[in-house]
Amino acid sequence: MTLHANEIPVDETLVRSLLKAQRAEWADLPLSPAGAGTDNTMFRLGDDLLVRLPRTADTGHSVRKEQQWLPRLAPLLTHPIPEPVHAGTPTNAFPLAWSVYRWIDGAEAGPDTVRDWAAFGADLATVVREFHRIDLMGATRADGLSWYRGGSLGPCDPWVGRALDDCRTTMGSELDVDALEQLWQAALALPEPSGTHVWLHGDLKPTNLLVREGKLHAVIDFGGLSVGFPDAEHSTLWDLPPQARQAYWDNMNLDDMTWARARAWAIAVGVSGISYYWRTFPAFVTECRARLQAILTDAAAR
């Protein structure tokens, strides 16, 4: 499945060639697809490893970022995160950095895997609070750790406006885009976020939260790792049921302005996802649409 015009094709043959050239001891292990997101393609390698390859040069920098910082962050976190075990180097066949990680057993968070959504929301709040309290270790947004979601909403307004217009065209009356735009504009009018910068995962949606025995077990995919204001970190809560969202709110003790800005970030990601992936990634469009509808339902109830 090709999602981007500048995407580098990847298949099992390519992955085996990379392994033969750089980690020959793994080259004959069983290899099978293990999922694909908007930025990376994954293959399970044997029982204990995962190969992760960026789709485009634009997202390739995230690989080196993970290789540099995840080993330093992991000892400071209670829950498991990916452990890089090989830093793949570019080749003629695949001109980007790539990685091999330890495999983490678990299933994506969802109605068939989570036992108690309120407890899950509280556990997620604990993970986020713990992550945000980690010392920056000298890292700043100028060190390759500057992602738009850790900054201010204002600079995003032009492309969010275009995405809202695209949603009006594609979704028609199926989605109240006008109401979403009102929520977006209301957040833009709020004071800028204040306080110190923190570590941000950047994309704590259910597919990046692994569950074991009904409970949150691990956090994966740190491609959006950055340093910045925490507001956008909370934006994926609208991908979770209301019970989880409320428990998270209560445990984080978030103020109304932070919540409104987090909701605006969720709108930005949702409408841009529909706009960009409308023809190429229907499952992701469905995910974005569900998020936006949850925002509208939640806003109407408050």
C-alpha atoms as a PDB file:
ATOM      1  CA  MET A   1       0.000   0.000   0.000  1.00  0.00           C
ATOM      2  CA  THR A   2       1.641   3.238  -1.192  1.00  0.00           C
ATOM      3  CA  LEU A   3       0.587   6.349   0.716  1.00  0.00           C
ATOM      4  CA  HIS A   4       3.040   9.017  -0.430  1.00  0.00           C
ATOM      5  CA  ALA A   5       4.248  10.213  -3.820  1.00  0.00           C
ATOM      6  CA  ASN A   6       7.878   9.991  -2.678  1.00  0.00           C
ATOM      7  CA  GLU A   7       7.539   6.639  -0.918  1.00  0.00           C
ATOM      8  CA  ILE A   8      10.333   4.060  -1.160  1.00  0.00           C
ATOM      9  CA  PRO A   9       8.894   0.598  -1.950  1.00  0.00           C
ATOM     10  CA  VAL A  10       9.647  -2.060   0.664  1.00  0.00           C
ATOM     11  CA  ASP A  11       9.034  -5.820   0.602  1.00  0.00           C
ATOM     12  CA  GLU A  12      10.401  -8.933   2.278  1.00  0.00           C
ATOM     13  CA  THR A  13      13.051  -9.392  -0.416  1.00  0.00           C
ATOM     14  CA  LEU A  14      14.437  -5.934   0.288  1.00  0.00           C
ATOM     15  CA  VAL A  15      14.422  -6.491   4.038  1.00  0.00           C
ATOM     16  CA  ARG A  16      16.310  -9.776   3.675  1.00  0.00           C
ATOM     17  CA  SER A  17      18.900  -8.085   1.490  1.00  0.00           C
ATOM     18  CA  LEU A  18      19.451  -5.442   4.168  1.00  0.00           C
ATOM     19  CA  LEU A  19      19.810  -8.096   6.838  1.00  0.00           C
ATOM     20  CA  LYS A  20      22.232 -10.168   4.763  1.00  0.00           C
ATOM     21  CA  ALA A  21      24.413  -7.119   4.234  1.00  0.00           C
ATOM     22  CA  GLN A  22      24.363  -5.799   7.795  1.00  0.00           C
ATOM     23  CA  ARG A  23      23.228  -8.552  10.201  1.00  0.00           C
ATOM     24  CA  ALA A  24      23.867 -11.851   8.467  1.00  0.00           C
ATOM     25  CA  GLU A  25      23.081 -13.839  11.625  1.00  0.00           C
ATOM     26  CA  TRP A  26      19.448 -12.725  11.327  1.00  0.00           C
ATOM     27  CA  ALA A  27      19.067 -13.047   7.563  1.00  0.00           C
ATOM     28  CA  ASP A  28      17.481 -16.518   7.606  1.00  0.00           C
ATOM     29  CA  LEU A  29      15.063 -15.965  10.489  1.00  0.00           C
ATOM     30  CA  PRO A  30      11.326 -16.093   9.698  1.00  0.00           C
ATOM     31  CA  LEU A  31      10.106 -12.757   8.350  1.00  0.00           C
ATOM     32  CA  SER A  32       6.500 -11.581   8.091  1.00  0.00           C
ATOM     33  CA  PRO A  33       4.614  -8.284   7.769  1.00  0.00           C
ATOM     34  CA  ALA A  34       3.821  -6.751  11.160  1.00  0.00           C
ATOM     35  CA  GLY A  35       1.775  -3.733  10.196  1.00  0.00           C
ATOM     36  CA  ALA A  36       2.243  -0.421   8.441  1.00  0.00           C
ATOM     37  CA  GLY A  37       1.459   3.089   9.603  1.00  0.00           C
ATOM     38  CA  THR A  38       1.515   6.380   7.774  1.00  0.00           C
ATOM     39  CA  ASP A  39       5.261   6.791   8.329  1.00  0.00           C
ATOM     40  CA  ASN A  40       6.778   3.308   8.663  1.00  0.00           C
ATOM     41  CA  THR A  41       6.516  -0.293   7.490  1.00  0.00           C
ATOM     42  CA  MET A  42       7.215  -3.105   9.952  1.00  0.00           C
ATOM     43  CA  PHE A  43       8.233  -6.753   9.703  1.00  0.00           C
ATOM     44  CA  ARG A  44       8.478  -9.272  12.513  1.00  0.00           C
ATOM     45  CA  LEU A  45      11.836 -11.027  12.472  1.00  0.00           C
ATOM     46  CA  GLY A  46      11.954 -14.373  14.241  1.00  0.00           C
ATOM     47  CA  ASP A  47      10.248 -14.449  17.627  1.00  0.00           C
ATOM     48  CA  ASP A  48      12.097 -11.601  19.290  1.00  0.00           C
ATOM     49  CA  LEU A  49      12.768  -8.836  16.753  1.00  0.00           C
ATOM     50  CA  LEU A  50      10.997  -6.165  14.703  1.00  0.00           C
ATOM     51  CA  VAL A  51      12.342  -4.428  11.587  1.00  0.00           C
ATOM     52  CA  ARG A  52      11.081  -0.882  11.076  1.00  0.00           C
ATOM     53  CA  LEU A  53      11.665   1.074   7.868  1.00  0.00           C
ATOM     54  CA  PRO A  54      10.555   4.653   7.132  1.00  0.00           C
ATOM     55  CA  ARG A  55       8.341   5.146   4.106  1.00  0.00           C
ATOM     56  CA  THR A  56       9.922   8.423   2.964  1.00  0.00           C
ATOM     57  CA  ALA A  57      13.007  10.557   3.441  1.00  0.00           C
ATOM     58  CA  ASP A  58      10.798  13.100   5.233  1.00  0.00           C
ATOM     59  CA  THR A  59      10.154  10.644   8.060  1.00  0.00           C
ATOM     60  CA  GLY A  60      13.540   8.940   7.951  1.00  0.00           C
ATOM     61  CA  HIS A  61      15.024  11.330  10.511  1.00  0.00           C
ATOM     62  CA  SER A  62      12.755   9.827  13.175  1.00  0.00           C
ATOM     63  CA  VAL A  63      14.712   6.567  13.026  1.00  0.00           C
ATOM     64  CA  ARG A  64      17.966   8.165  14.168  1.00  0.00           C
ATOM     65  CA  LYS A  65      16.064  10.127  16.794  1.00  0.00           C
ATOM     66  CA  GLU A  66      14.692   6.907  18.276  1.00  0.00           C
ATOM     67  CA  GLN A  67      18.093   5.249  18.130  1.00  0.00           C
ATOM     68  CA  GLN A  68      19.643   8.141  20.029  1.00  0.00           C
ATOM     69  CA  TRP A  69      17.038   8.788  22.706  1.00  0.00           C
ATOM     70  CA  LEU A  70      15.046   5.623  23.432  1.00  0.00           C
ATOM     71  CA  PRO A  71      17.939   3.862  25.220  1.00  0.00           C
ATOM     72  CA  ARG A  72      18.288   6.913  27.457  1.00  0.00           C
ATOM     73  CA  LEU A  73      14.566   7.248  28.171  1.00  0.00           C
ATOM     74  CA  ALA A  74      13.715   3.572  28.742  1.00  0.00           C
ATOM     75  CA  PRO A  75      15.392   3.197  32.173  1.00  0.00           C
ATOM     76  CA  LEU A  76      13.386   6.166  33.438  1.00  0.00           C
ATOM     77  CA  LEU A  77       9.981   4.733  32.481  1.00  0.00           C
ATOM     78  CA  THR A  78       7.862   2.130  34.232  1.00  0.00           C
ATOM     79  CA  HIS A  79       6.279   0.714  31.082  1.00  0.00           C
ATOM     80  CA  PRO A  80       8.315  -0.866  28.256  1.00  0.00           C
ATOM     81  CA  ILE A  81       9.163   1.157  25.149  1.00  0.00           C
ATOM     82  CA  PRO A  82      10.937  -0.024  21.970  1.00  0.00           C
ATOM     83  CA  GLU A  83      14.555  -1.081  22.412  1.00  0.00           C
ATOM     84  CA  PRO A  84      16.766  -0.534  19.337  1.00  0.00           C
ATOM     85  CA  VAL A  85      19.210  -3.401  18.802  1.00  0.00           C
ATOM     86  CA  HIS A  86      20.530  -2.466  15.371  1.00  0.00           C
ATOM     87  CA  ALA A  87      20.948   0.886  13.645  1.00  0.00           C
ATOM     88  CA  GLY A  88      20.530   0.064   9.980  1.00  0.00           C
ATOM     89  CA  THR A  89      22.528   2.171   7.538  1.00  0.00           C
ATOM     90  CA  PRO A  90      21.440   3.308   4.046  1.00  0.00           C
ATOM     91  CA  THR A  91      22.188   1.192   0.977  1.00  0.00           C
ATOM     92  CA  ASN A  92      21.675   1.618  -2.750  1.00  0.00           C
ATOM     93  CA  ALA A  93      18.477  -0.401  -2.477  1.00  0.00           C
ATOM     94  CA  PHE A  94      17.185   1.501   0.555  1.00  0.00           C
ATOM     95  CA  PRO A  95      18.794   4.946   0.934  1.00  0.00           C
ATOM     96  CA  LEU A  96      17.519   5.694   4.465  1.00  0.00           C
ATOM     97  CA  ALA A  97      18.415   4.733   8.004  1.00  0.00           C
ATOM     98  CA  TRP A  98      16.324   1.891   9.433  1.00  0.00           C
ATOM     99  CA  SER A  99      16.110  -0.024  12.710  1.00  0.00           C
ATOM    100  CA  VAL A 100      15.709  -3.385  14.343  1.00  0.00           C
ATOM    101  CA  TYR A 101      14.027  -3.467  17.773  1.00  0.00           C
ATOM    102  CA  ARG A 102      13.215  -6.038  20.411  1.00  0.00           C
ATOM    103  CA  TRP A 103       9.734  -7.414  19.829  1.00  0.00           C
ATOM    104  CA  ILE A 104       7.196  -6.380  22.497  1.00  0.00           C
ATOM    105  CA  ASP A 105       4.278  -8.773  22.938  1.00  0.00           C
ATOM    106  CA  GLY A 106       0.888  -7.144  23.216  1.00  0.00           C
ATOM    107  CA  ALA A 107      -2.258  -6.200  21.324  1.00  0.00           C
ATOM    108  CA  GLU A 108      -3.471  -2.785  20.255  1.00  0.00           C
ATOM    109  CA  ALA A 109      -5.784  -1.034  22.697  1.00  0.00           C
ATOM    110  CA  GLY A 110      -9.384  -1.634  21.690  1.00  0.00           C
ATOM    111  CA  PRO A 111     -12.753  -2.995  22.827  1.00  0.00           C
ATOM    112  CA  ASP A 112     -11.537  -6.589  22.502  1.00  0.00           C
ATOM    113  CA  THR A 113      -8.356  -6.075  24.517  1.00  0.00           C
ATOM    114  CA  VAL A 114      -9.005  -3.457  27.227  1.00  0.00           C
ATOM    115  CA  ARG A 115     -10.794  -4.808  30.296  1.00  0.00           C
ATOM    116  CA  ASP A 116     -11.637  -1.521  32.070  1.00  0.00           C
ATOM    117  CA  TRP A 117     -11.496   1.731  30.096  1.00  0.00           C
ATOM    118  CA  ALA A 118     -11.553   3.984  33.162  1.00  0.00           C
ATOM    119  CA  ALA A 119      -8.558   2.129  34.604  1.00  0.00           C
ATOM    120  CA  PHE A 120      -6.863   2.302  31.199  1.00  0.00           C
ATOM    121  CA  GLY A 121      -7.333   6.085  31.060  1.00  0.00           C
ATOM    122  CA  ALA A 122      -5.893   6.451  34.556  1.00  0.00           C
ATOM    123  CA  ASP A 123      -2.911   4.268  33.640  1.00  0.00           C
ATOM    124  CA  LEU A 124      -2.286   6.306  30.493  1.00  0.00           C
ATOM    125  CA  ALA A 125      -2.332   9.490  32.562  1.00  0.00           C
ATOM    126  CA  THR A 126       0.314   7.952  34.833  1.00  0.00           C
ATOM    127  CA  VAL A 127       2.485   7.118  31.817  1.00  0.00           C
ATOM    128  CA  VAL A 128       2.178  10.635  30.396  1.00  0.00           C
ATOM    129  CA  ARG A 129       2.842  12.320  33.732  1.00  0.00           C
ATOM    130  CA  GLU A 130       5.924  10.140  34.249  1.00  0.00           C
ATOM    131  CA  PHE A 131       7.207  10.860  30.744  1.00  0.00           C
ATOM    132  CA  HIS A 132       6.687  14.606  31.059  1.00  0.00           C
ATOM    133  CA  ARG A 133       8.641  14.695  34.312  1.00  0.00           C
ATOM    134  CA  ILE A 134      11.809  13.200  32.827  1.00  0.00           C
ATOM    135  CA  ASP A 135      14.704  15.632  32.720  1.00  0.00           C
ATOM    136  CA  LEU A 136      15.369  16.909  29.196  1.00  0.00           C
ATOM    137  CA  MET A 137      19.031  15.916  29.531  1.00  0.00           C
ATOM    138  CA  GLY A 138      20.031  19.039  27.632  1.00  0.00           C
ATOM    139  CA  ALA A 139      17.658  18.370  24.702  1.00  0.00           C
ATOM    140  CA  THR A 140      15.839  21.299  23.108  1.00  0.00           C
ATOM    141  CA  ARG A 141      13.474  21.807  20.198  1.00  0.00           C
ATOM    142  CA  ALA A 142      16.511  22.864  18.195  1.00  0.00           C
ATOM    143  CA  ASP A 143      18.101  19.397  18.445  1.00  0.00           C
ATOM    144  CA  GLY A 144      16.018  17.635  15.809  1.00  0.00           C
ATOM    145  CA  LEU A 145      13.246  17.376  18.407  1.00  0.00           C
ATOM    146  CA  SER A 146      11.027  20.137  17.052  1.00  0.00           C
ATOM    147  CA  TRP A 147       7.672  18.789  15.861  1.00  0.00           C
ATOM    148  CA  TYR A 148       4.701  20.999  15.123  1.00  0.00           C
ATOM    149  CA  ARG A 149       2.574  19.348  17.810  1.00  0.00           C
ATOM    150  CA  GLY A 150       4.852  20.667  20.539  1.00  0.00           C
ATOM    151  CA  GLY A 151       4.455  24.275  19.484  1.00  0.00           C
ATOM    152  CA  SER A 152       1.624  26.777  19.110  1.00  0.00           C
ATOM    153  CA  LEU A 153      -1.622  26.373  17.197  1.00  0.00           C
ATOM    154  CA  GLY A 154      -1.314  29.649  15.288  1.00  0.00           C
ATOM    155  CA  PRO A 155       1.266  28.611  12.667  1.00  0.00           C
ATOM    156  CA  CYS A 156      -0.920  25.626  11.766  1.00  0.00           C
ATOM    157  CA  ASP A 157      -4.011  27.681  10.944  1.00  0.00           C
ATOM    158  CA  PRO A 158      -3.394  27.982   7.154  1.00  0.00           C
ATOM    159  CA  TRP A 159      -3.106  24.256   6.497  1.00  0.00           C
ATOM    160  CA  VAL A 160      -5.809  23.356   8.998  1.00  0.00           C
ATOM    161  CA  GLY A 161      -8.118  25.808   7.200  1.00  0.00           C
ATOM    162  CA  ARG A 162      -7.403  24.109   3.878  1.00  0.00           C
ATOM    163  CA  ALA A 163      -8.014  20.692   5.429  1.00  0.00           C
ATOM    164  CA  LEU A 164     -11.342  21.861   6.885  1.00  0.00           C
ATOM    165  CA  ASP A 165     -12.385  23.028   3.414  1.00  0.00           C
ATOM    166  CA  ASP A 166     -11.371  19.673   1.957  1.00  0.00           C
ATOM    167  CA  CYS A 167     -13.487  17.913   4.576  1.00  0.00           C
ATOM    168  CA  ARG A 168     -16.496  20.003   3.634  1.00  0.00           C
ATOM    169  CA  THR A 169     -16.081  18.847   0.062  1.00  0.00           C
ATOM    170  CA  THR A 170     -15.442  15.173   0.761  1.00  0.00           C
ATOM    171  CA  MET A 171     -17.669  14.591   3.797  1.00  0.00           C
ATOM    172  CA  GLY A 172     -20.571  16.900   2.966  1.00  0.00           C
ATOM    173  CA  SER A 173     -23.323  16.687   5.573  1.00  0.00           C
ATOM    174  CA  GLU A 174     -21.856  13.512   7.118  1.00  0.00           C
ATOM    175  CA  LEU A 175     -19.637  15.611   9.403  1.00  0.00           C
ATOM    176  CA  ASP A 176     -20.358  18.982  11.023  1.00  0.00           C
ATOM    177  CA  VAL A 177     -17.219  20.692   9.780  1.00  0.00           C
ATOM    178  CA  ASP A 178     -18.550  24.150  10.697  1.00  0.00           C
ATOM    179  CA  ALA A 179     -18.773  23.135  14.354  1.00  0.00           C
ATOM    180  CA  LEU A 180     -15.240  21.727  14.215  1.00  0.00           C
ATOM    181  CA  GLU A 181     -13.983  24.982  12.737  1.00  0.00           C
ATOM    182  CA  GLN A 182     -15.657  26.954  15.534  1.00  0.00           C
ATOM    183  CA  LEU A 183     -13.859  24.826  18.138  1.00  0.00           C
ATOM    184  CA  TRP A 184     -10.583  25.314  16.267  1.00  0.00           C
ATOM    185  CA  GLN A 185     -11.007  29.076  16.061  1.00  0.00           C
ATOM    186  CA  ALA A 186     -11.970  29.302  19.742  1.00  0.00           C
ATOM    187  CA  ALA A 187      -8.741  27.552  20.691  1.00  0.00           C
ATOM    188  CA  LEU A 188      -6.729  29.884  18.468  1.00  0.00           C
ATOM    189  CA  ALA A 189      -8.096  32.813  20.473  1.00  0.00           C
ATOM    190  CA  LEU A 190      -6.817  31.406  23.766  1.00  0.00           C
ATOM    191  CA  PRO A 191      -3.553  32.595  25.347  1.00  0.00           C
ATOM    192  CA  GLU A 192      -0.421  30.832  24.158  1.00  0.00           C
ATOM    193  CA  PRO A 193       0.632  27.793  26.238  1.00  0.00           C
ATOM    194  CA  SER A 194       2.948  28.614  29.098  1.00  0.00           C
ATOM    195  CA  GLY A 195       5.282  26.691  31.329  1.00  0.00           C
ATOM    196  CA  THR A 196       8.370  24.655  30.609  1.00  0.00           C
ATOM    197  CA  HIS A 197       8.941  22.316  27.694  1.00  0.00           C
ATOM    198  CA  VAL A 198       8.699  18.577  28.335  1.00  0.00           C
ATOM    199  CA  TRP A 199       9.396  15.334  26.509  1.00  0.00           C
ATOM    200  CA  LEU A 200       6.506  14.444  24.179  1.00  0.00           C
ATOM    201  CA  HIS A 201       5.654  11.085  22.648  1.00  0.00           C
ATOM    202  CA  GLY A 202       3.534  12.942  20.111  1.00  0.00           C
ATOM    203  CA  ASP A 203       1.106  10.237  18.982  1.00  0.00           C
ATOM    204  CA  LEU A 204      -0.427   8.270  21.856  1.00  0.00           C
ATOM    205  CA  LYS A 205      -3.268   6.795  19.806  1.00  0.00           C
ATOM    206  CA  PRO A 206      -4.587   3.267  20.484  1.00  0.00           C
ATOM    207  CA  THR A 207      -2.414   1.622  17.832  1.00  0.00           C
ATOM    208  CA  ASN A 208       0.655   2.809  19.757  1.00  0.00           C
ATOM    209  CA  LEU A 209      -0.585   1.533  23.122  1.00  0.00           C
ATOM    210  CA  LEU A 210      -0.070  -2.191  23.693  1.00  0.00           C
ATOM    211  CA  VAL A 211      -2.281  -4.145  26.056  1.00  0.00           C
ATOM    212  CA  ARG A 212      -1.646  -7.339  28.008  1.00  0.00           C
ATOM    213  CA  GLU A 213      -4.227  -9.087  30.193  1.00  0.00           C
ATOM    214  CA  GLY A 214      -6.619  -6.192  29.688  1.00  0.00           C
ATOM    215  CA  LYS A 215      -4.225  -3.494  30.918  1.00  0.00           C
ATOM    216  CA  LEU A 216      -1.839  -0.982  29.386  1.00  0.00           C
ATOM    217  CA  HIS A 217       1.505  -2.722  28.989  1.00  0.00           C
ATOM    218  CA  ALA A 218       3.790  -0.766  26.629  1.00  0.00           C
ATOM    219  CA  VAL A 219       4.055   2.376  24.512  1.00  0.00           C
ATOM    220  CA  ILE A 220       5.492   2.087  20.994  1.00  0.00           C
ATOM    221  CA  ASP A 221       6.287   4.228  17.925  1.00  0.00           C
ATOM    222  CA  PHE A 222       8.294   7.212  19.123  1.00  0.00           C
ATOM    223  CA  GLY A 223       8.645   8.663  15.621  1.00  0.00           C
ATOM    224  CA  GLY A 224       6.976  11.831  16.886  1.00  0.00           C
ATOM    225  CA  LEU A 225       9.331  12.172  19.852  1.00  0.00           C
ATOM    226  CA  SER A 226       9.905  15.846  20.512  1.00  0.00           C
ATOM    227  CA  VAL A 227      10.374  18.548  23.117  1.00  0.00           C
ATOM    228  CA  GLY A 228       7.685  21.171  23.572  1.00  0.00           C
ATOM    229  CA  PHE A 229       4.460  22.213  25.270  1.00  0.00           C
ATOM    230  CA  PRO A 230       2.313  19.288  26.466  1.00  0.00           C
ATOM    231  CA  ASP A 231      -1.086  20.373  25.086  1.00  0.00           C
ATOM    232  CA  ALA A 232      -0.984  18.247  21.934  1.00  0.00           C
ATOM    233  CA  GLU A 233       0.042  15.161  23.920  1.00  0.00           C
ATOM    234  CA  HIS A 234      -3.538  14.898  25.160  1.00  0.00           C
ATOM    235  CA  SER A 235      -5.117  15.136  21.694  1.00  0.00           C
ATOM    236  CA  THR A 236      -5.407  11.385  21.075  1.00  0.00           C
ATOM    237  CA  LEU A 237      -7.839  10.982  23.981  1.00  0.00           C
ATOM    238  CA  TRP A 238     -10.727  11.410  21.551  1.00  0.00           C
ATOM    239  CA  ASP A 239      -9.664   8.084  20.031  1.00  0.00           C
ATOM    240  CA  LEU A 240     -10.602   6.455  23.344  1.00  0.00           C
ATOM    241  CA  PRO A 241     -14.042   5.850  24.895  1.00  0.00           C
ATOM    242  CA  PRO A 242     -15.501   8.570  27.165  1.00  0.00           C
ATOM    243  CA  GLN A 243     -14.721   6.565  30.327  1.00  0.00           C
ATOM    244  CA  ALA A 244     -11.015   6.552  29.514  1.00  0.00           C
ATOM    245  CA  ARG A 245     -11.056  10.213  28.537  1.00  0.00           C
ATOM    246  CA  GLN A 246     -12.735  11.272  31.803  1.00  0.00           C
ATOM    247  CA  ALA A 247     -10.404   9.182  33.951  1.00  0.00           C
ATOM    248  CA  TYR A 248      -7.408  10.682  32.173  1.00  0.00           C
ATOM    249  CA  TRP A 249      -8.775  14.227  32.690  1.00  0.00           C
ATOM    250  CA  ASP A 250      -9.336  13.557  36.388  1.00  0.00           C
ATOM    251  CA  ASN A 251      -5.886  12.044  36.942  1.00  0.00           C
ATOM    252  CA  MET A 252      -4.020  14.725  34.973  1.00  0.00           C
ATOM    253  CA  ASN A 253      -6.061  17.540  36.547  1.00  0.00           C
ATOM    254  CA  LEU A 254      -6.051  19.470  33.261  1.00  0.00           C
ATOM    255  CA  ASP A 255      -7.464  22.982  33.097  1.00  0.00           C
ATOM    256  CA  ASP A 256     -10.096  24.001  30.559  1.00  0.00           C
ATOM    257  CA  MET A 257      -7.693  25.942  28.313  1.00  0.00           C
ATOM    258  CA  THR A 258      -5.295  23.017  28.048  1.00  0.00           C
ATOM    259  CA  TRP A 259      -8.239  20.753  27.215  1.00  0.00           C
ATOM    260  CA  ALA A 260      -9.469  23.148  24.534  1.00  0.00           C
ATOM    261  CA  ARG A 261      -6.032  23.351  22.939  1.00  0.00           C
ATOM    262  CA  ALA A 262      -5.681  19.554  23.083  1.00  0.00           C
ATOM    263  CA  ARG A 263      -9.038  19.239  21.345  1.00  0.00           C
ATOM    264  CA  ALA A 264      -7.917  21.688  18.699  1.00  0.00           C
ATOM    265  CA  TRP A 265      -4.822  19.570  18.043  1.00  0.00           C
ATOM    266  CA  ALA A 266      -7.085  16.540  17.678  1.00  0.00           C
ATOM    267  CA  ILE A 267      -9.153  18.461  15.129  1.00  0.00           C
ATOM    268  CA  ALA A 268      -6.027  19.487  13.218  1.00  0.00           C
ATOM    269  CA  VAL A 269      -4.730  15.927  12.984  1.00  0.00           C
ATOM    270  CA  GLY A 270      -8.166  14.541  12.141  1.00  0.00           C
ATOM    271  CA  VAL A 271      -9.096  16.899   9.321  1.00  0.00           C
ATOM    272  CA  SER A 272      -5.617  16.825   7.804  1.00  0.00           C
ATOM    273  CA  GLY A 273      -5.708  13.023   7.893  1.00  0.00           C
ATOM    274  CA  ILE A 274      -8.977  12.956   5.966  1.00  0.00           C
ATOM    275  CA  SER A 275      -7.690  15.525   3.488  1.00  0.00           C
ATOM    276  CA  TYR A 276      -4.346  13.838   2.797  1.00  0.00           C
ATOM    277  CA  TYR A 277      -5.327  10.149   2.891  1.00  0.00           C
ATOM    278  CA  TRP A 278      -8.834  10.332   1.394  1.00  0.00           C
ATOM    279  CA  ARG A 279      -7.917   8.267  -1.667  1.00  0.00           C
ATOM    280  CA  THR A 280      -4.987   6.223  -0.355  1.00  0.00           C
ATOM    281  CA  PHE A 281      -5.718   5.021   3.190  1.00  0.00           C
ATOM    282  CA  PRO A 282      -9.465   4.469   3.831  1.00  0.00           C
ATOM    283  CA  ALA A 283      -8.873   2.813   7.220  1.00  0.00           C
ATOM    284  CA  PHE A 284      -7.007   5.860   8.480  1.00  0.00           C
ATOM    285  CA  VAL A 285      -9.714   8.163   7.130  1.00  0.00           C
ATOM    286  CA  THR A 286     -12.269   6.134   9.099  1.00  0.00           C
ATOM    287  CA  GLU A 287     -10.105   6.505  12.202  1.00  0.00           C
ATOM    288  CA  CYS A 288      -9.893  10.285  11.730  1.00  0.00           C
ATOM    289  CA  ARG A 289     -13.613  10.569  11.095  1.00  0.00           C
ATOM    290  CA  ALA A 290     -14.406   8.650  14.299  1.00  0.00           C
ATOM    291  CA  ARG A 291     -12.078  10.950  16.248  1.00  0.00           C
ATOM    292  CA  LEU A 292     -13.771  14.069  14.888  1.00  0.00           C
ATOM    293  CA  GLN A 293     -17.246  12.728  15.599  1.00  0.00           C
ATOM    294  CA  ALA A 294     -16.162  11.925  19.166  1.00  0.00           C
ATOM    295  CA  ILE A 295     -14.981  15.525  19.531  1.00  0.00           C
ATOM    296  CA  LEU A 296     -18.344  16.844  18.370  1.00  0.00           C
ATOM    297  CA  THR A 297     -20.276  14.511  20.691  1.00  0.00           C
ATOM    298  CA  ASP A 298     -18.057  15.371  23.642  1.00  0.00           C
ATOM    299  CA  ALA A 299     -18.269  19.126  22.996  1.00  0.00           C
ATOM    300  CA  ALA A 300     -22.061  18.980  22.805  1.00  0.00           C
ATOM    301  CA  ALA A 301     -22.228  17.206  26.162  1.00  0.00           C
ATOM    302  CA  ARG A 302     -20.062  19.715  28.046  1.00  0.00           C
END
